[in-house]
């Protein structure tokens, strides 16, 4: 029997310019309760914000959990489900050299080890209410940063 809590997480990252000011947002749903988290950085990239959204959401979980993580970033899903083992085996490098965002990928890998995660890609800006809300959180974080 699995005694880990079930959690649904919706994440999104945003960047105004690439690079530029960026934000991330996540909604964690556990037992009908929703928790919203977000943050921003003054100079970053969209990919860093997508990774950060998932990373911060997983870090927010107080105990190992069974997670259904939804994101509109195929880059994030592919990395988490296919590419990380190869990068890790090569010392956090790609086959052809430098791995961008290696710091975040390493931290995400550590957080992923704590949980059972089913990564699910959702089409962005296509009416998925939680994906839309995560996008709103990311953009509000950028606006707040710029005030």
N, C-alpha and C. Protein backbone atom coordinates (compact mmCIF):
# COMPACT_ATOMS: atom_id res chain seq x y z
N UNK A 1 0.84 -1.20 0.00
CA UNK A 1 0.00 0.00 0.00
C UNK A 1 0.88 1.25 0.00
N UNK A 2 0.50 2.23 -0.79
CA UNK A 2 1.27 3.45 -0.91
C UNK A 2 0.70 4.49 0.05
N UNK A 3 1.51 4.95 0.99
CA UNK A 3 1.03 5.94 1.95
C UNK A 3 1.47 7.36 1.60
N UNK A 4 2.00 7.54 0.39
CA UNK A 4 2.40 8.87 -0.06
C UNK A 4 1.16 9.64 -0.52
N UNK A 5 1.09 10.93 -0.18
CA UNK A 5 -0.05 11.72 -0.64
C UNK A 5 -0.02 11.92 -2.16
N UNK A 6 -1.22 12.01 -2.74
CA UNK A 6 -1.37 12.31 -4.17
C UNK A 6 -1.48 13.82 -4.33
N UNK A 7 -0.69 14.36 -5.25
CA UNK A 7 -0.67 15.80 -5.48
C UNK A 7 -0.70 16.04 -6.99
N UNK A 8 -1.51 16.99 -7.40
CA UNK A 8 -1.48 17.47 -8.78
C UNK A 8 -0.80 18.82 -8.77
N UNK A 9 0.09 19.02 -9.74
CA UNK A 9 0.81 20.28 -9.84
C UNK A 9 0.71 20.79 -11.28
N UNK A 10 0.36 22.05 -11.41
CA UNK A 10 0.34 22.73 -12.71
C UNK A 10 1.39 23.83 -12.65
N UNK A 11 2.28 23.86 -13.64
CA UNK A 11 3.36 24.85 -13.63
C UNK A 11 3.42 25.60 -14.95
N UNK A 12 3.99 26.80 -14.87
CA UNK A 12 4.26 27.55 -16.09
C UNK A 12 5.35 28.57 -15.81
N UNK A 13 6.09 28.89 -16.85
CA UNK A 13 7.09 29.93 -16.80
C UNK A 13 6.79 30.96 -17.87
N UNK A 14 7.26 32.18 -17.66
CA UNK A 14 7.05 33.25 -18.62
C UNK A 14 8.28 34.14 -18.63
N UNK A 15 8.51 34.76 -19.76
CA UNK A 15 9.64 35.67 -19.87
C UNK A 15 9.25 36.80 -20.82
N UNK A 16 9.51 38.02 -20.41
CA UNK A 16 9.23 39.17 -21.27
C UNK A 16 10.54 39.56 -21.94
N UNK A 17 10.75 38.99 -23.12
CA UNK A 17 12.04 39.02 -23.78
C UNK A 17 12.71 37.70 -23.43
N UNK A 18 13.66 37.29 -24.21
CA UNK A 18 14.30 36.00 -23.92
C UNK A 18 15.77 36.09 -24.33
N UNK A 19 16.64 36.61 -23.46
CA UNK A 19 16.43 36.82 -22.03
C UNK A 19 15.71 38.13 -21.73
N UNK A 20 15.22 38.18 -20.51
CA UNK A 20 14.51 39.34 -20.02
C UNK A 20 13.98 39.04 -18.64
N UNK A 21 13.13 39.91 -18.10
CA UNK A 21 12.52 39.60 -16.81
C UNK A 21 11.60 38.39 -16.96
N UNK A 22 11.68 37.48 -16.00
CA UNK A 22 10.89 36.26 -16.10
C UNK A 22 10.21 35.91 -14.80
N UNK A 23 9.17 35.11 -14.93
CA UNK A 23 8.44 34.67 -13.75
C UNK A 23 8.00 33.23 -13.91
N UNK A 24 7.66 32.63 -12.78
CA UNK A 24 7.16 31.26 -12.78
C UNK A 24 5.98 31.19 -11.83
N UNK A 25 5.10 30.24 -12.08
CA UNK A 25 3.95 30.03 -11.22
C UNK A 25 3.62 28.56 -11.14
N UNK A 26 3.07 28.16 -10.01
CA UNK A 26 2.66 26.77 -9.83
C UNK A 26 1.45 26.71 -8.92
N UNK A 27 0.59 25.75 -9.23
CA UNK A 27 -0.58 25.47 -8.39
C UNK A 27 -0.46 24.02 -7.94
N UNK A 28 -0.46 23.82 -6.64
CA UNK A 28 -0.38 22.49 -6.05
C UNK A 28 -1.75 22.15 -5.50
N UNK A 29 -2.29 21.01 -5.89
CA UNK A 29 -3.62 20.59 -5.47
C UNK A 29 -3.50 19.27 -4.73
N UNK A 30 -3.90 19.30 -3.46
CA UNK A 30 -3.82 18.10 -2.62
C UNK A 30 -5.09 18.03 -1.77
N UNK A 31 -5.84 16.95 -1.96
CA UNK A 31 -7.05 16.76 -1.16
C UNK A 31 -8.04 17.90 -1.28
N UNK A 32 -8.16 18.46 -2.47
CA UNK A 32 -9.11 19.56 -2.67
C UNK A 32 -8.58 20.93 -2.27
N UNK A 33 -7.42 20.98 -1.64
CA UNK A 33 -6.82 22.25 -1.24
C UNK A 33 -5.83 22.70 -2.31
N UNK A 34 -5.88 23.98 -2.65
CA UNK A 34 -4.96 24.56 -3.64
C UNK A 34 -3.98 25.49 -2.96
N UNK A 35 -2.72 25.35 -3.34
CA UNK A 35 -1.69 26.28 -2.90
C UNK A 35 -1.06 26.88 -4.14
N UNK A 36 -0.94 28.21 -4.18
CA UNK A 36 -0.33 28.90 -5.31
C UNK A 36 1.01 29.46 -4.88
N UNK A 37 2.02 29.23 -5.71
CA UNK A 37 3.33 29.79 -5.44
C UNK A 37 3.87 30.42 -6.73
N UNK A 38 4.72 31.42 -6.59
CA UNK A 38 5.28 32.08 -7.77
C UNK A 38 6.53 32.85 -7.38
N UNK A 39 7.25 33.27 -8.40
CA UNK A 39 8.44 34.07 -8.17
C UNK A 39 8.90 34.66 -9.49
N UNK A 40 9.93 35.50 -9.42
CA UNK A 40 10.43 36.16 -10.62
C UNK A 40 11.91 36.45 -10.49
N UNK A 41 12.54 36.66 -11.63
CA UNK A 41 13.95 37.04 -11.71
C UNK A 41 14.08 38.18 -12.72
N UNK A 42 14.98 39.12 -12.46
CA UNK A 42 15.08 40.29 -13.34
C UNK A 42 15.65 40.00 -14.71
N UNK A 43 16.53 39.00 -14.83
CA UNK A 43 17.13 38.68 -16.13
C UNK A 43 17.30 37.17 -16.22
N UNK A 44 16.51 36.54 -17.09
CA UNK A 44 16.49 35.09 -17.17
C UNK A 44 15.98 34.68 -18.54
N UNK A 45 15.69 33.41 -18.70
CA UNK A 45 15.12 32.90 -19.95
C UNK A 45 13.83 32.15 -19.66
N UNK A 46 13.04 31.95 -20.70
CA UNK A 46 11.80 31.21 -20.55
C UNK A 46 12.07 29.79 -20.06
N UNK A 47 13.07 29.13 -20.63
CA UNK A 47 13.36 27.76 -20.20
C UNK A 47 13.73 27.69 -18.72
N UNK A 48 14.53 28.64 -18.24
CA UNK A 48 14.87 28.64 -16.81
C UNK A 48 13.62 28.80 -15.95
N UNK A 49 12.68 29.61 -16.41
CA UNK A 49 11.47 29.81 -15.61
C UNK A 49 10.58 28.56 -15.63
N UNK A 50 10.52 27.86 -16.76
CA UNK A 50 9.75 26.61 -16.83
C UNK A 50 10.33 25.58 -15.86
N UNK A 51 11.66 25.45 -15.86
CA UNK A 51 12.32 24.50 -14.95
C UNK A 51 12.10 24.93 -13.51
N UNK A 52 12.27 26.21 -13.23
CA UNK A 52 12.13 26.72 -11.87
C UNK A 52 10.73 26.49 -11.32
N UNK A 53 9.72 26.64 -12.16
CA UNK A 53 8.35 26.41 -11.70
C UNK A 53 8.18 24.98 -11.19
N UNK A 54 8.66 24.01 -11.95
CA UNK A 54 8.55 22.62 -11.51
C UNK A 54 9.41 22.36 -10.28
N UNK A 55 10.62 22.88 -10.28
CA UNK A 55 11.53 22.69 -9.16
C UNK A 55 10.95 23.25 -7.87
N UNK A 56 10.48 24.48 -7.91
CA UNK A 56 9.94 25.11 -6.69
C UNK A 56 8.67 24.41 -6.22
N UNK A 57 7.87 23.93 -7.15
CA UNK A 57 6.66 23.20 -6.75
C UNK A 57 7.03 21.91 -6.03
N UNK A 58 8.00 21.18 -6.56
CA UNK A 58 8.41 19.93 -5.91
C UNK A 58 9.07 20.21 -4.56
N UNK A 59 9.85 21.28 -4.48
CA UNK A 59 10.47 21.64 -3.20
C UNK A 59 9.44 22.03 -2.15
N UNK A 60 8.29 22.53 -2.60
CA UNK A 60 7.24 22.96 -1.66
C UNK A 60 6.54 21.78 -0.99
N UNK A 61 6.69 20.58 -1.56
CA UNK A 61 6.06 19.40 -0.96
C UNK A 61 6.82 19.00 0.29
N UNK A 62 6.12 18.89 1.40
CA UNK A 62 6.75 18.63 2.69
C UNK A 62 7.21 17.19 2.85
N UNK A 63 6.64 16.29 2.06
CA UNK A 63 7.01 14.88 2.18
C UNK A 63 6.98 14.24 0.80
N UNK A 64 7.66 13.10 0.64
CA UNK A 64 7.61 12.40 -0.64
C UNK A 64 6.16 12.15 -1.05
N UNK A 65 5.87 12.37 -2.32
CA UNK A 65 4.49 12.32 -2.79
C UNK A 65 4.40 11.63 -4.14
N UNK A 66 3.18 11.23 -4.49
CA UNK A 66 2.86 10.75 -5.83
C UNK A 66 2.32 11.97 -6.57
N UNK A 67 3.06 12.41 -7.58
CA UNK A 67 2.79 13.69 -8.23
C UNK A 67 2.38 13.49 -9.68
N UNK A 68 1.30 14.17 -10.05
CA UNK A 68 0.93 14.33 -11.46
C UNK A 68 1.28 15.77 -11.78
N UNK A 69 2.35 15.97 -12.57
CA UNK A 69 2.82 17.32 -12.86
C UNK A 69 2.48 17.68 -14.30
N UNK A 70 1.74 18.76 -14.45
CA UNK A 70 1.29 19.24 -15.75
C UNK A 70 2.08 20.49 -16.13
N UNK A 71 2.59 20.52 -17.36
CA UNK A 71 3.33 21.67 -17.86
C UNK A 71 3.09 21.80 -19.35
N UNK A 72 3.21 23.02 -19.85
CA UNK A 72 3.09 23.21 -21.30
C UNK A 72 4.46 23.27 -21.97
N UNK A 73 5.49 22.87 -21.23
CA UNK A 73 6.85 22.86 -21.77
C UNK A 73 7.26 21.45 -22.15
N UNK A 74 7.29 21.18 -23.45
CA UNK A 74 7.75 19.86 -23.90
C UNK A 74 9.24 19.70 -23.59
N UNK A 75 9.98 20.78 -23.58
CA UNK A 75 11.39 20.76 -23.19
C UNK A 75 11.55 20.19 -21.78
N UNK A 76 10.74 20.66 -20.86
CA UNK A 76 10.79 20.19 -19.48
C UNK A 76 10.38 18.73 -19.38
N UNK A 77 9.30 18.35 -20.03
CA UNK A 77 8.83 16.96 -19.98
C UNK A 77 9.88 16.03 -20.58
N UNK A 78 10.42 16.37 -21.74
CA UNK A 78 11.42 15.51 -22.37
C UNK A 78 12.67 15.38 -21.51
N UNK A 79 13.11 16.48 -20.95
CA UNK A 79 14.31 16.43 -20.10
C UNK A 79 14.06 15.55 -18.87
N UNK A 80 12.93 15.76 -18.21
CA UNK A 80 12.64 15.03 -16.98
C UNK A 80 12.43 13.54 -17.21
N UNK A 81 11.88 13.19 -18.36
CA UNK A 81 11.53 11.78 -18.60
C UNK A 81 12.53 11.03 -19.46
N UNK A 82 13.36 11.74 -20.23
CA UNK A 82 14.25 11.06 -21.17
C UNK A 82 15.71 11.48 -21.08
N UNK A 83 15.98 12.78 -20.97
CA UNK A 83 17.34 13.28 -21.18
C UNK A 83 18.22 13.32 -19.94
N UNK A 84 17.64 13.54 -18.76
CA UNK A 84 18.44 13.72 -17.55
C UNK A 84 19.39 12.54 -17.29
N UNK A 85 18.98 11.28 -17.43
CA UNK A 85 19.94 10.20 -17.16
C UNK A 85 21.21 10.28 -18.03
N UNK A 86 21.06 10.63 -19.29
CA UNK A 86 22.22 10.77 -20.17
C UNK A 86 23.10 11.95 -19.78
N UNK A 87 22.46 13.09 -19.46
CA UNK A 87 23.23 14.26 -19.02
C UNK A 87 24.02 13.93 -17.76
N UNK A 88 23.35 13.27 -16.86
CA UNK A 88 23.96 12.91 -15.58
C UNK A 88 25.16 11.98 -15.82
N UNK A 89 24.99 10.98 -16.67
CA UNK A 89 26.06 10.01 -16.97
C UNK A 89 27.26 10.69 -17.61
N UNK A 90 27.03 11.78 -18.33
CA UNK A 90 28.11 12.51 -19.00
C UNK A 90 28.63 13.67 -18.14
N UNK A 91 28.34 13.66 -16.86
CA UNK A 91 28.80 14.75 -15.99
C UNK A 91 28.05 16.04 -16.23
N UNK A 92 26.75 15.94 -16.48
CA UNK A 92 25.87 17.08 -16.73
C UNK A 92 26.31 17.86 -17.96
N UNK A 93 26.56 17.10 -19.01
CA UNK A 93 26.87 17.69 -20.31
C UNK A 93 26.00 17.02 -21.37
N UNK A 94 25.76 17.73 -22.46
CA UNK A 94 25.08 17.15 -23.61
C UNK A 94 26.10 16.38 -24.44
N UNK A 95 25.62 15.56 -25.34
CA UNK A 95 26.53 14.80 -26.22
C UNK A 95 27.48 15.72 -26.96
N UNK A 96 26.96 16.89 -27.36
CA UNK A 96 27.79 17.82 -28.14
C UNK A 96 28.30 18.99 -27.31
N UNK A 97 28.35 18.85 -25.99
CA UNK A 97 28.98 19.90 -25.19
C UNK A 97 28.17 20.41 -24.03
N UNK A 98 28.16 21.72 -23.90
CA UNK A 98 27.61 22.40 -22.73
C UNK A 98 26.11 22.16 -22.58
N UNK A 99 25.70 21.91 -21.35
CA UNK A 99 24.29 21.77 -21.01
C UNK A 99 23.82 23.08 -20.38
N UNK A 100 22.93 23.77 -21.07
CA UNK A 100 22.37 24.99 -20.50
C UNK A 100 21.51 24.65 -19.30
N UNK A 101 21.53 25.49 -18.30
CA UNK A 101 20.71 25.35 -17.10
C UNK A 101 21.08 24.13 -16.27
N UNK A 102 22.34 23.70 -16.35
CA UNK A 102 22.78 22.50 -15.62
C UNK A 102 22.51 22.63 -14.12
N UNK A 103 22.66 23.83 -13.57
CA UNK A 103 22.41 24.03 -12.14
C UNK A 103 20.98 23.66 -11.78
N UNK A 104 20.03 24.10 -12.59
CA UNK A 104 18.62 23.79 -12.32
C UNK A 104 18.31 22.32 -12.58
N UNK A 105 18.88 21.76 -13.64
CA UNK A 105 18.62 20.34 -13.92
C UNK A 105 19.12 19.46 -12.79
N UNK A 106 20.28 19.79 -12.23
CA UNK A 106 20.82 19.00 -11.13
C UNK A 106 19.92 19.09 -9.90
N UNK A 107 19.46 20.28 -9.60
CA UNK A 107 18.58 20.45 -8.45
C UNK A 107 17.24 19.76 -8.69
N UNK A 108 16.72 19.86 -9.91
CA UNK A 108 15.47 19.18 -10.23
C UNK A 108 15.64 17.67 -10.10
N UNK A 109 16.75 17.14 -10.56
CA UNK A 109 17.02 15.71 -10.45
C UNK A 109 16.96 15.26 -8.99
N UNK A 110 17.55 16.04 -8.09
CA UNK A 110 17.51 15.69 -6.65
C UNK A 110 16.08 15.70 -6.12
N UNK A 111 15.30 16.70 -6.52
CA UNK A 111 13.90 16.76 -6.06
C UNK A 111 13.07 15.64 -6.66
N UNK A 112 13.31 15.30 -7.92
CA UNK A 112 12.56 14.23 -8.58
C UNK A 112 12.78 12.90 -7.85
N UNK A 113 13.96 12.70 -7.30
CA UNK A 113 14.27 11.44 -6.61
C UNK A 113 13.42 11.25 -5.36
N UNK A 114 12.88 12.31 -4.81
CA UNK A 114 12.05 12.24 -3.60
C UNK A 114 10.62 11.78 -3.89
N UNK A 115 10.19 11.89 -5.13
CA UNK A 115 8.78 11.71 -5.46
C UNK A 115 8.59 10.70 -6.58
N UNK A 116 7.37 10.22 -6.71
CA UNK A 116 6.94 9.45 -7.88
C UNK A 116 6.20 10.44 -8.77
N UNK A 117 6.76 10.74 -9.93
CA UNK A 117 6.22 11.81 -10.76
C UNK A 117 5.77 11.28 -12.11
N UNK A 118 4.56 11.64 -12.48
CA UNK A 118 4.05 11.41 -13.84
C UNK A 118 4.00 12.78 -14.52
N UNK A 119 4.90 12.98 -15.47
CA UNK A 119 4.99 14.24 -16.19
C UNK A 119 3.99 14.24 -17.33
N UNK A 120 3.18 15.30 -17.43
CA UNK A 120 2.14 15.38 -18.45
C UNK A 120 2.23 16.72 -19.17
N UNK A 121 2.38 16.66 -20.48
CA UNK A 121 2.39 17.88 -21.28
C UNK A 121 0.95 18.28 -21.58
N UNK A 122 0.66 19.57 -21.43
CA UNK A 122 -0.63 20.13 -21.82
C UNK A 122 -0.37 21.27 -22.80
N UNK A 123 -1.26 21.43 -23.73
CA UNK A 123 -1.12 22.53 -24.70
C UNK A 123 -1.32 23.86 -23.97
N UNK A 124 -0.37 24.76 -24.15
CA UNK A 124 -0.45 26.07 -23.50
C UNK A 124 -1.47 26.97 -24.17
N UNK A 125 -2.07 27.83 -23.38
CA UNK A 125 -3.02 28.84 -23.86
C UNK A 125 -4.15 28.19 -24.68
N UNK A 126 -4.61 27.06 -24.19
CA UNK A 126 -5.64 26.32 -24.92
C UNK A 126 -6.86 26.04 -24.05
N UNK A 127 -7.03 26.82 -22.99
CA UNK A 127 -8.23 26.69 -22.19
C UNK A 127 -8.13 25.78 -20.98
N UNK A 128 -6.97 25.16 -20.72
CA UNK A 128 -6.82 24.38 -19.49
C UNK A 128 -6.76 25.37 -18.33
N UNK A 129 -7.78 25.36 -17.48
CA UNK A 129 -7.91 26.44 -16.50
C UNK A 129 -6.73 26.53 -15.54
N UNK A 130 -6.18 25.39 -15.13
CA UNK A 130 -5.05 25.44 -14.19
C UNK A 130 -3.77 25.88 -14.90
N UNK A 131 -3.58 25.49 -16.14
CA UNK A 131 -2.43 25.96 -16.90
C UNK A 131 -2.53 27.47 -17.11
N UNK A 132 -3.74 27.94 -17.40
CA UNK A 132 -3.95 29.39 -17.58
C UNK A 132 -3.67 30.13 -16.28
N UNK A 133 -4.09 29.54 -15.16
CA UNK A 133 -3.86 30.20 -13.87
C UNK A 133 -2.38 30.21 -13.51
N UNK A 134 -1.65 29.14 -13.83
CA UNK A 134 -0.21 29.11 -13.58
C UNK A 134 0.48 30.19 -14.42
N UNK A 135 0.03 30.35 -15.67
CA UNK A 135 0.56 31.40 -16.54
C UNK A 135 0.28 32.79 -15.94
N UNK A 136 -0.91 32.98 -15.41
CA UNK A 136 -1.25 34.27 -14.78
C UNK A 136 -0.33 34.54 -13.59
N UNK A 137 -0.07 33.51 -12.77
CA UNK A 137 0.83 33.68 -11.63
C UNK A 137 2.22 34.10 -12.08
N UNK A 138 2.73 33.46 -13.13
CA UNK A 138 4.06 33.78 -13.64
C UNK A 138 4.12 35.23 -14.14
N UNK A 139 3.11 35.64 -14.87
CA UNK A 139 3.10 37.01 -15.41
C UNK A 139 2.87 38.05 -14.32
N UNK A 140 2.07 37.73 -13.31
CA UNK A 140 1.89 38.65 -12.17
C UNK A 140 3.18 38.82 -11.42
N UNK A 141 3.96 37.74 -11.30
CA UNK A 141 5.25 37.83 -10.61
C UNK A 141 6.19 38.77 -11.36
N UNK A 142 6.17 38.72 -12.69
CA UNK A 142 7.01 39.64 -13.47
C UNK A 142 6.54 41.08 -13.27
N UNK A 143 5.22 41.30 -13.34
CA UNK A 143 4.70 42.66 -13.14
C UNK A 143 5.11 43.20 -11.77
N UNK A 144 5.00 42.36 -10.74
CA UNK A 144 5.36 42.79 -9.38
C UNK A 144 6.85 43.14 -9.30
N UNK A 145 7.68 42.36 -9.97
CA UNK A 145 9.11 42.60 -10.01
C UNK A 145 9.42 43.95 -10.66
N UNK A 146 8.67 44.28 -11.68
CA UNK A 146 8.95 45.49 -12.47
C UNK A 146 8.39 46.76 -11.84
N UNK A 147 7.59 46.65 -10.80
CA UNK A 147 7.03 47.85 -10.14
C UNK A 147 8.08 48.59 -9.34
